[in-house]
Amino acid sequence: MKYYVLFGPPGAGKGTQAGAMVERYNLCHLSTGELLRAEIAAGTPLGLQAKSLIEAGNLVPDSVVEGMIEAKFRDTKGVDGFLLDGFPRTIAQAQVLDKMVEVTGCISIMIPDALIHERIAHRANIEGRADDARPEVVQNRVDTYHAKTEPLIDYYRKAGKYHQIDGVGTIEEVRERIFSAMDKL
Protein backbone atom coordinates (compact mmCIF):
# COMPACT_ATOMS: atom_id res chain seq x y z
CA MET A 1 0.00 0.00 0.00
CA LYS A 2 1.33 3.44 -0.93
CA TYR A 3 0.57 6.62 0.96
CA TYR A 4 1.17 9.95 -0.78
CA VAL A 5 0.83 13.36 0.83
CA LEU A 6 -0.33 16.03 -1.63
CA PHE A 7 0.99 19.30 -0.33
CA GLY A 8 1.00 22.97 -1.25
CA PRO A 9 -0.59 26.30 -0.43
CA PRO A 10 -4.30 27.00 -0.94
CA GLY A 11 -5.03 27.36 -4.65
CA ALA A 12 -1.89 25.49 -5.77
CA GLY A 13 -3.94 23.06 -7.84
CA LYS A 14 -4.08 20.07 -5.51
CA GLY A 15 -7.77 19.44 -6.20
CA THR A 16 -7.28 19.95 -9.92
CA GLN A 17 -4.44 17.41 -10.09
CA ALA A 18 -5.74 14.84 -7.60
CA GLY A 19 -8.23 13.18 -9.97
CA ALA A 20 -5.57 12.29 -12.54
CA MET A 21 -3.22 11.07 -9.80
CA VAL A 22 -5.95 8.87 -8.33
CA GLU A 23 -6.82 7.40 -11.73
CA ARG A 24 -3.27 6.74 -12.88
CA TYR A 25 -2.10 5.12 -9.63
CA ASN A 26 -5.40 3.53 -8.38
CA LEU A 27 -5.49 5.65 -5.22
CA CYS A 28 -8.24 6.65 -2.83
CA HIS A 29 -8.33 10.45 -2.67
CA LEU A 30 -8.70 11.61 0.91
CA SER A 31 -9.40 15.33 0.76
CA THR A 32 -9.98 16.66 4.24
CA GLY A 33 -11.71 19.65 2.67
CA GLU A 34 -14.19 17.41 0.83
CA LEU A 35 -14.72 15.22 3.90
CA LEU A 36 -15.46 18.31 5.98
CA ARG A 37 -17.69 19.89 3.30
CA ALA A 38 -19.73 16.66 3.25
CA GLU A 39 -20.16 16.93 7.04
CA ILE A 40 -21.16 20.59 6.69
CA ALA A 41 -23.67 19.79 3.93
CA ALA A 42 -25.17 17.03 6.09
CA GLY A 43 -25.53 19.48 8.98
CA THR A 44 -23.86 17.13 11.46
CA PRO A 45 -22.54 18.52 14.76
CA LEU A 46 -19.02 18.11 13.37
CA GLY A 47 -20.08 19.90 10.22
CA LEU A 48 -21.56 22.84 12.11
CA GLN A 49 -18.43 23.16 14.24
CA ALA A 50 -16.21 22.90 11.18
CA LYS A 51 -18.27 25.47 9.26
CA SER A 52 -17.75 28.21 11.85
CA LEU A 53 -14.01 27.51 12.00
CA ILE A 54 -13.56 27.37 8.22
CA GLU A 55 -15.56 30.56 7.63
CA ALA A 56 -13.18 32.35 10.00
CA GLY A 57 -10.22 30.91 8.08
CA ASN A 58 -9.16 28.59 10.92
CA LEU A 59 -8.25 24.91 10.94
CA VAL A 60 -10.46 22.12 12.29
CA PRO A 61 -9.01 20.36 15.41
CA ASP A 62 -6.44 17.66 14.69
CA SER A 63 -8.26 14.90 16.55
CA VAL A 64 -11.33 15.25 14.31
CA VAL A 65 -9.34 15.14 11.08
CA GLU A 66 -7.09 12.30 12.29
CA GLY A 67 -10.10 10.17 13.20
CA MET A 68 -11.67 10.69 9.76
CA ILE A 69 -8.41 9.74 8.02
CA GLU A 70 -7.81 6.63 10.13
CA ALA A 71 -11.37 5.41 9.49
CA LYS A 72 -10.87 5.83 5.72
CA PHE A 73 -7.59 3.86 5.84
CA ARG A 74 -9.37 1.07 7.68
CA ASP A 75 -12.59 0.99 5.64
CA THR A 76 -11.38 1.55 2.04
CA LYS A 77 -10.74 -1.53 -0.10
CA GLY A 78 -9.69 -2.19 -3.71
CA VAL A 79 -7.03 0.51 -4.06
CA ASP A 80 -3.24 0.48 -4.32
CA GLY A 81 -2.87 3.39 -1.95
CA PHE A 82 -4.10 6.73 -0.69
CA LEU A 83 -3.61 10.33 -1.74
CA LEU A 84 -3.87 12.58 1.30
CA ASP A 85 -4.94 16.11 0.33
CA GLY A 86 -5.07 18.64 3.15
CA PHE A 87 -3.53 16.33 5.75
CA PRO A 88 -1.10 16.59 7.39
CA ARG A 89 -0.99 20.37 7.75
CA THR A 90 1.28 20.51 10.79
CA ILE A 91 4.33 18.66 12.13
CA ALA A 92 2.16 17.20 14.91
CA GLN A 93 -0.28 15.78 12.32
CA ALA A 94 2.64 14.38 10.29
CA GLN A 95 3.94 12.61 13.38
CA VAL A 96 0.50 11.10 14.02
CA LEU A 97 0.31 10.00 10.37
CA ASP A 98 3.75 8.37 10.71
CA LYS A 99 2.37 6.28 13.57
CA MET A 100 -0.56 5.15 11.36
CA VAL A 101 1.31 4.38 8.10
CA GLU A 102 4.63 4.78 6.31
CA VAL A 103 4.37 7.72 3.90
CA THR A 104 5.67 6.83 0.42
CA GLY A 105 6.25 10.41 -0.69
CA CYS A 106 5.20 14.03 -0.31
CA ILE A 107 4.26 15.68 -3.61
CA SER A 108 4.43 19.44 -3.07
CA ILE A 109 2.87 21.76 -5.66
CA MET A 110 4.34 25.23 -5.10
CA ILE A 111 3.12 28.61 -6.39
CA PRO A 112 3.84 32.24 -5.38
CA ASP A 113 1.53 34.01 -2.90
CA ALA A 114 0.18 36.45 -5.51
CA LEU A 115 -1.00 33.52 -7.61
CA ILE A 116 -2.68 31.97 -4.54
CA HIS A 117 -4.93 35.03 -4.18
CA GLU A 118 -5.68 35.12 -7.91
CA ARG A 119 -6.60 31.44 -8.11
CA ILE A 120 -8.74 31.40 -4.97
CA ALA A 121 -10.71 34.48 -6.11
CA HIS A 122 -11.30 32.74 -9.45
CA ARG A 123 -12.40 29.54 -7.69
CA ALA A 124 -14.80 31.49 -5.47
CA ASN A 125 -16.53 32.89 -8.55
CA ILE A 126 -16.76 29.57 -10.36
CA GLU A 127 -17.72 27.32 -7.44
CA GLY A 128 -19.69 29.84 -5.39
CA ARG A 129 -17.60 29.10 -2.30
CA ALA A 130 -18.37 31.93 0.09
CA ASP A 131 -15.40 31.04 2.31
CA ASP A 132 -13.09 31.81 -0.65
CA ALA A 133 -14.72 35.14 -1.55
CA ARG A 134 -13.41 37.26 1.34
CA PRO A 135 -9.80 38.52 0.89
CA GLU A 136 -9.15 38.62 4.64
CA VAL A 137 -10.11 34.94 4.98
CA VAL A 138 -7.84 34.04 2.05
CA GLN A 139 -4.97 36.02 3.60
CA ASN A 140 -5.52 34.23 6.92
CA ARG A 141 -5.25 30.90 5.08
CA VAL A 142 -2.02 32.00 3.38
CA ASP A 143 -0.58 33.20 6.70
CA THR A 144 -1.64 29.95 8.42
CA TYR A 145 -0.08 27.92 5.61
CA HIS A 146 3.26 29.75 5.93
CA ALA A 147 3.34 29.55 9.73
CA LYS A 148 2.00 26.05 10.40
CA THR A 149 2.17 24.00 7.21
CA GLU A 150 5.36 25.12 5.46
CA PRO A 151 7.53 23.52 8.19
CA LEU A 152 6.42 20.19 6.70
CA ILE A 153 8.79 20.88 3.80
CA ASP A 154 11.81 20.34 6.07
CA TYR A 155 10.08 17.46 7.88
CA TYR A 156 9.57 15.48 4.67
CA ARG A 157 12.85 16.65 3.11
CA LYS A 158 14.79 15.27 6.12
CA ALA A 159 12.90 11.98 5.72
CA GLY A 160 13.90 11.85 2.03
CA LYS A 161 10.25 11.93 0.97
CA TYR A 162 9.81 15.52 -0.27
CA HIS A 163 9.30 16.14 -4.01
CA GLN A 164 8.68 19.76 -5.02
CA ILE A 165 6.65 20.41 -8.16
CA ASP A 166 6.53 23.79 -9.91
CA GLY A 167 2.80 24.59 -9.92
CA VAL A 168 3.04 27.41 -12.46
CA GLY A 169 2.05 26.44 -15.98
CA THR A 170 -0.78 24.64 -17.70
CA ILE A 171 -2.69 21.89 -15.90
CA GLU A 172 -1.07 19.38 -18.26
CA GLU A 173 2.47 20.69 -17.65
CA VAL A 174 2.06 20.51 -13.88
CA ARG A 175 0.48 17.05 -14.17
CA GLU A 176 3.44 15.71 -16.16
CA ARG A 177 5.84 17.04 -13.50
CA ILE A 178 3.80 15.26 -10.82
CA PHE A 179 3.66 11.97 -12.75
CA SER A 180 7.41 12.12 -13.38
CA ALA A 181 8.06 12.42 -9.64
CA MET A 182 5.53 9.74 -8.65
CA ASP A 183 6.79 7.25 -11.27
CA LYS A 184 10.12 7.26 -9.42
CA LEU A 185 8.56 6.42 -6.06
C-alpha atoms as a PDB file:
ATOM      1  CA  MET A   1       0.000   0.000   0.000  1.00  0.00           C
ATOM      2  CA  LYS A   2       1.327   3.438  -0.932  1.00  0.00           C
ATOM      3  CA  TYR A   3       0.565   6.624   0.955  1.00  0.00           C
ATOM      4  CA  TYR A   4       1.166   9.950  -0.778  1.00  0.00           C
ATOM      5  CA  VAL A   5       0.829  13.356   0.828  1.00  0.00           C
ATOM      6  CA  LEU A   6      -0.327  16.027  -1.633  1.00  0.00           C
ATOM      7  CA  PHE A   7       0.986  19.299  -0.326  1.00  0.00           C
ATOM      8  CA  GLY A   8       0.997  22.969  -1.250  1.00  0.00           C
ATOM      9  CA  PRO A   9      -0.588  26.301  -0.430  1.00  0.00           C
ATOM     10  CA  PRO A  10      -4.297  27.001  -0.942  1.00  0.00           C
ATOM     11  CA  GLY A  11      -5.030  27.357  -4.651  1.00  0.00           C
ATOM     12  CA  ALA A  12      -1.889  25.494  -5.774  1.00  0.00           C
ATOM     13  CA  GLY A  13      -3.939  23.063  -7.842  1.00  0.00           C
ATOM     14  CA  LYS A  14      -4.081  20.074  -5.513  1.00  0.00           C
ATOM     15  CA  GLY A  15      -7.768  19.441  -6.197  1.00  0.00           C
ATOM     16  CA  THR A  16      -7.276  19.946  -9.923  1.00  0.00           C
ATOM     17  CA  GLN A  17      -4.437  17.412 -10.093  1.00  0.00           C
ATOM     18  CA  ALA A  18      -5.735  14.845  -7.601  1.00  0.00           C
ATOM     19  CA  GLY A  19      -8.230  13.181  -9.970  1.00  0.00           C
ATOM     20  CA  ALA A  20      -5.573  12.292 -12.535  1.00  0.00           C
ATOM     21  CA  MET A  21      -3.221  11.067  -9.800  1.00  0.00           C
ATOM     22  CA  VAL A  22      -5.951   8.871  -8.329  1.00  0.00           C
ATOM     23  CA  GLU A  23      -6.820   7.404 -11.729  1.00  0.00           C
ATOM     24  CA  ARG A  24      -3.266   6.737 -12.878  1.00  0.00           C
ATOM     25  CA  TYR A  25      -2.100   5.116  -9.628  1.00  0.00           C
ATOM     26  CA  ASN A  26      -5.404   3.533  -8.384  1.00  0.00           C
ATOM     27  CA  LEU A  27      -5.489   5.648  -5.225  1.00  0.00           C
ATOM     28  CA  CYS A  28      -8.239   6.645  -2.833  1.00  0.00           C
ATOM     29  CA  HIS A  29      -8.331  10.455  -2.670  1.00  0.00           C
ATOM     30  CA  LEU A  30      -8.697  11.612   0.910  1.00  0.00           C
ATOM     31  CA  SER A  31      -9.399  15.327   0.762  1.00  0.00           C
ATOM     32  CA  THR A  32      -9.979  16.657   4.235  1.00  0.00           C
ATOM     33  CA  GLY A  33     -11.706  19.651   2.666  1.00  0.00           C
ATOM     34  CA  GLU A  34     -14.187  17.413   0.829  1.00  0.00           C
ATOM     35  CA  LEU A  35     -14.721  15.223   3.903  1.00  0.00           C
ATOM     36  CA  LEU A  36     -15.458  18.311   5.977  1.00  0.00           C
ATOM     37  CA  ARG A  37     -17.689  19.885   3.303  1.00  0.00           C
ATOM     38  CA  ALA A  38     -19.734  16.659   3.254  1.00  0.00           C
ATOM     39  CA  GLU A  39     -20.158  16.927   7.044  1.00  0.00           C
ATOM     40  CA  ILE A  40     -21.157  20.595   6.686  1.00  0.00           C
ATOM     41  CA  ALA A  41     -23.666  19.786   3.926  1.00  0.00           C
ATOM     42  CA  ALA A  42     -25.171  17.027   6.090  1.00  0.00           C
ATOM     43  CA  GLY A  43     -25.527  19.483   8.981  1.00  0.00           C
ATOM     44  CA  THR A  44     -23.864  17.132  11.457  1.00  0.00           C
ATOM     45  CA  PRO A  45     -22.539  18.516  14.758  1.00  0.00           C
ATOM     46  CA  LEU A  46     -19.015  18.107  13.374  1.00  0.00           C
ATOM     47  CA  GLY A  47     -20.085  19.903  10.215  1.00  0.00           C
ATOM     48  CA  LEU A  48     -21.558  22.843  12.113  1.00  0.00           C
ATOM     49  CA  GLN A  49     -18.425  23.163  14.240  1.00  0.00           C
ATOM     50  CA  ALA A  50     -16.206  22.898  11.183  1.00  0.00           C
ATOM     51  CA  LYS A  51     -18.268  25.470   9.257  1.00  0.00           C
ATOM     52  CA  SER A  52     -17.754  28.208  11.850  1.00  0.00           C
ATOM     53  CA  LEU A  53     -14.012  27.515  12.002  1.00  0.00           C
ATOM     54  CA  ILE A  54     -13.563  27.367   8.222  1.00  0.00           C
ATOM     55  CA  GLU A  55     -15.565  30.564   7.628  1.00  0.00           C
ATOM     56  CA  ALA A  56     -13.182  32.346  10.002  1.00  0.00           C
ATOM     57  CA  GLY A  57     -10.222  30.912   8.082  1.00  0.00           C
ATOM     58  CA  ASN A  58      -9.159  28.585  10.915  1.00  0.00           C
ATOM     59  CA  LEU A  59      -8.254  24.909  10.936  1.00  0.00           C
ATOM     60  CA  VAL A  60     -10.462  22.122  12.292  1.00  0.00           C
ATOM     61  CA  PRO A  61      -9.013  20.361  15.414  1.00  0.00           C
ATOM     62  CA  ASP A  62      -6.442  17.658  14.691  1.00  0.00           C
ATOM     63  CA  SER A  63      -8.264  14.898  16.547  1.00  0.00           C
ATOM     64  CA  VAL A  64     -11.329  15.247  14.310  1.00  0.00           C
ATOM     65  CA  VAL A  65      -9.344  15.142  11.078  1.00  0.00           C
ATOM     66  CA  GLU A  66      -7.094  12.301  12.286  1.00  0.00           C
ATOM     67  CA  GLY A  67     -10.102  10.174  13.197  1.00  0.00           C
ATOM     68  CA  MET A  68     -11.675  10.687   9.763  1.00  0.00           C
ATOM     69  CA  ILE A  69      -8.412   9.736   8.020  1.00  0.00           C
ATOM     70  CA  GLU A  70      -7.814   6.632  10.133  1.00  0.00           C
ATOM     71  CA  ALA A  71     -11.365   5.414   9.487  1.00  0.00           C
ATOM     72  CA  LYS A  72     -10.867   5.829   5.720  1.00  0.00           C
ATOM     73  CA  PHE A  73      -7.587   3.856   5.835  1.00  0.00           C
ATOM     74  CA  ARG A  74      -9.371   1.066   7.680  1.00  0.00           C
ATOM     75  CA  ASP A  75     -12.593   0.987   5.639  1.00  0.00           C
ATOM     76  CA  THR A  76     -11.382   1.547   2.045  1.00  0.00           C
ATOM     77  CA  LYS A  77     -10.735  -1.529  -0.097  1.00  0.00           C
ATOM     78  CA  GLY A  78      -9.686  -2.188  -3.706  1.00  0.00           C
ATOM     79  CA  VAL A  79      -7.031   0.511  -4.057  1.00  0.00           C
ATOM     80  CA  ASP A  80      -3.240   0.484  -4.321  1.00  0.00           C
ATOM     81  CA  GLY A  81      -2.870   3.392  -1.951  1.00  0.00           C
ATOM     82  CA  PHE A  82      -4.099   6.732  -0.688  1.00  0.00           C
ATOM     83  CA  LEU A  83      -3.615  10.334  -1.737  1.00  0.00           C
ATOM     84  CA  LEU A  84      -3.875  12.581   1.301  1.00  0.00           C
ATOM     85  CA  ASP A  85      -4.936  16.107   0.331  1.00  0.00           C
ATOM     86  CA  GLY A  86      -5.066  18.640   3.152  1.00  0.00           C
ATOM     87  CA  PHE A  87      -3.527  16.334   5.747  1.00  0.00           C
ATOM     88  CA  PRO A  88      -1.099  16.589   7.391  1.00  0.00           C
ATOM     89  CA  ARG A  89      -0.986  20.368   7.751  1.00  0.00           C
ATOM     90  CA  THR A  90       1.276  20.510  10.790  1.00  0.00           C
ATOM     91  CA  ILE A  91       4.328  18.662  12.134  1.00  0.00           C
ATOM     92  CA  ALA A  92       2.160  17.196  14.913  1.00  0.00           C
ATOM     93  CA  GLN A  93      -0.276  15.783  12.319  1.00  0.00           C
ATOM     94  CA  ALA A  94       2.642  14.379  10.289  1.00  0.00           C
ATOM     95  CA  GLN A  95       3.936  12.613  13.384  1.00  0.00           C
ATOM     96  CA  VAL A  96       0.496  11.096  14.020  1.00  0.00           C
ATOM     97  CA  LEU A  97       0.315   9.996  10.371  1.00  0.00           C
ATOM     98  CA  ASP A  98       3.751   8.371  10.708  1.00  0.00           C
ATOM     99  CA  LYS A  99       2.366   6.279  13.566  1.00  0.00           C
ATOM    100  CA  MET A 100      -0.557   5.155  11.364  1.00  0.00           C
ATOM    101  CA  VAL A 101       1.314   4.385   8.099  1.00  0.00           C
ATOM    102  CA  GLU A 102       4.626   4.784   6.307  1.00  0.00           C
ATOM    103  CA  VAL A 103       4.367   7.720   3.900  1.00  0.00           C
ATOM    104  CA  THR A 104       5.672   6.831   0.419  1.00  0.00           C
ATOM    105  CA  GLY A 105       6.246  10.409  -0.693  1.00  0.00           C
ATOM    106  CA  CYS A 106       5.196  14.027  -0.308  1.00  0.00           C
ATOM    107  CA  ILE A 107       4.256  15.680  -3.612  1.00  0.00           C
ATOM    108  CA  SER A 108       4.431  19.437  -3.067  1.00  0.00           C
ATOM    109  CA  ILE A 109       2.872  21.763  -5.655  1.00  0.00           C
ATOM    110  CA  MET A 110       4.338  25.230  -5.096  1.00  0.00           C
ATOM    111  CA  ILE A 111       3.117  28.610  -6.391  1.00  0.00           C
ATOM    112  CA  PRO A 112       3.839  32.243  -5.377  1.00  0.00           C
ATOM    113  CA  ASP A 113       1.526  34.009  -2.900  1.00  0.00           C
ATOM    114  CA  ALA A 114       0.181  36.451  -5.508  1.00  0.00           C
ATOM    115  CA  LEU A 115      -1.000  33.515  -7.611  1.00  0.00           C
ATOM    116  CA  ILE A 116      -2.681  31.973  -4.539  1.00  0.00           C
ATOM    117  CA  HIS A 117      -4.927  35.032  -4.184  1.00  0.00           C
ATOM    118  CA  GLU A 118      -5.683  35.116  -7.915  1.00  0.00           C
ATOM    119  CA  ARG A 119      -6.598  31.436  -8.115  1.00  0.00           C
ATOM    120  CA  ILE A 120      -8.739  31.404  -4.974  1.00  0.00           C
ATOM    121  CA  ALA A 121     -10.708  34.475  -6.106  1.00  0.00           C
ATOM    122  CA  HIS A 122     -11.300  32.745  -9.451  1.00  0.00           C
ATOM    123  CA  ARG A 123     -12.398  29.539  -7.687  1.00  0.00           C
ATOM    124  CA  ALA A 124     -14.800  31.486  -5.469  1.00  0.00           C
ATOM    125  CA  ASN A 125     -16.535  32.892  -8.551  1.00  0.00           C
ATOM    126  CA  ILE A 126     -16.759  29.569 -10.356  1.00  0.00           C
ATOM    127  CA  GLU A 127     -17.722  27.316  -7.436  1.00  0.00           C
ATOM    128  CA  GLY A 128     -19.693  29.843  -5.393  1.00  0.00           C
ATOM    129  CA  ARG A 129     -17.598  29.095  -2.303  1.00  0.00           C
ATOM    130  CA  ALA A 130     -18.371  31.926   0.090  1.00  0.00           C
ATOM    131  CA  ASP A 131     -15.399  31.044   2.307  1.00  0.00           C
ATOM    132  CA  ASP A 132     -13.087  31.811  -0.653  1.00  0.00           C
ATOM    133  CA  ALA A 133     -14.716  35.142  -1.547  1.00  0.00           C
ATOM    134  CA  ARG A 134     -13.407  37.259   1.342  1.00  0.00           C
ATOM    135  CA  PRO A 135      -9.804  38.520   0.888  1.00  0.00           C
ATOM    136  CA  GLU A 136      -9.150  38.615   4.642  1.00  0.00           C
ATOM    137  CA  VAL A 137     -10.107  34.940   4.983  1.00  0.00           C
ATOM    138  CA  VAL A 138      -7.842  34.040   2.048  1.00  0.00           C
ATOM    139  CA  GLN A 139      -4.968  36.019   3.597  1.00  0.00           C
ATOM    140  CA  ASN A 140      -5.518  34.231   6.916  1.00  0.00           C
ATOM    141  CA  ARG A 141      -5.253  30.896   5.075  1.00  0.00           C
ATOM    142  CA  VAL A 142      -2.024  32.004   3.383  1.00  0.00           C
ATOM    143  CA  ASP A 143      -0.577  33.197   6.704  1.00  0.00           C
ATOM    144  CA  THR A 144      -1.645  29.954   8.422  1.00  0.00           C
ATOM    145  CA  TYR A 145      -0.077  27.919   5.615  1.00  0.00           C
ATOM    146  CA  HIS A 146       3.265  29.747   5.931  1.00  0.00           C
ATOM    147  CA  ALA A 147       3.337  29.550   9.725  1.00  0.00           C
ATOM    148  CA  LYS A 148       2.002  26.053  10.396  1.00  0.00           C
ATOM    149  CA  THR A 149       2.168  23.996   7.211  1.00  0.00           C
ATOM    150  CA  GLU A 150       5.356  25.125   5.463  1.00  0.00           C
ATOM    151  CA  PRO A 151       7.525  23.525   8.189  1.00  0.00           C
ATOM    152  CA  LEU A 152       6.420  20.192   6.696  1.00  0.00           C
ATOM    153  CA  ILE A 153       8.789  20.878   3.803  1.00  0.00           C
ATOM    154  CA  ASP A 154      11.806  20.342   6.074  1.00  0.00           C
ATOM    155  CA  TYR A 155      10.082  17.464   7.883  1.00  0.00           C
ATOM    156  CA  TYR A 156       9.566  15.478   4.672  1.00  0.00           C
ATOM    157  CA  ARG A 157      12.852  16.650   3.115  1.00  0.00           C
ATOM    158  CA  LYS A 158      14.785  15.275   6.118  1.00  0.00           C
ATOM    159  CA  ALA A 159      12.902  11.978   5.722  1.00  0.00           C
ATOM    160  CA  GLY A 160      13.899  11.854   2.026  1.00  0.00           C
ATOM    161  CA  LYS A 161      10.248  11.932   0.966  1.00  0.00           C
ATOM    162  CA  TYR A 162       9.811  15.518  -0.272  1.00  0.00           C
ATOM    163  CA  HIS A 163       9.302  16.136  -4.006  1.00  0.00           C
ATOM    164  CA  GLN A 164       8.676  19.764  -5.018  1.00  0.00           C
ATOM    165  CA  ILE A 165       6.647  20.406  -8.161  1.00  0.00           C
ATOM    166  CA  ASP A 166       6.530  23.786  -9.915  1.00  0.00           C
ATOM    167  CA  GLY A 167       2.796  24.586  -9.916  1.00  0.00           C
ATOM    168  CA  VAL A 168       3.040  27.408 -12.459  1.00  0.00           C
ATOM    169  CA  GLY A 169       2.047  26.439 -15.981  1.00  0.00           C
ATOM    170  CA  THR A 170      -0.782  24.638 -17.697  1.00  0.00           C
ATOM    171  CA  ILE A 171      -2.689  21.891 -15.901  1.00  0.00           C
ATOM    172  CA  GLU A 172      -1.066  19.378 -18.255  1.00  0.00           C
ATOM    173  CA  GLU A 173       2.473  20.688 -17.649  1.00  0.00           C
ATOM    174  CA  VAL A 174       2.061  20.511 -13.881  1.00  0.00           C
ATOM    175  CA  ARG A 175       0.475  17.046 -14.169  1.00  0.00           C
ATOM    176  CA  GLU A 176       3.436  15.714 -16.156  1.00  0.00           C
ATOM    177  CA  ARG A 177       5.839  17.039 -13.499  1.00  0.00           C
ATOM    178  CA  ILE A 178       3.797  15.260 -10.815  1.00  0.00           C
ATOM    179  CA  PHE A 179       3.661  11.971 -12.750  1.00  0.00           C
ATOM    180  CA  SER A 180       7.413  12.124 -13.379  1.00  0.00           C
ATOM    181  CA  ALA A 181       8.059  12.423  -9.636  1.00  0.00           C
ATOM    182  CA  MET A 182       5.531   9.736  -8.653  1.00  0.00           C
ATOM    183  CA  ASP A 183       6.788   7.251 -11.266  1.00  0.00           C
ATOM    184  CA  LYS A 184      10.123   7.263  -9.425  1.00  0.00           C
ATOM    185  CA  LEU A 185       8.560   6.416  -6.060  1.00  0.00           C
END
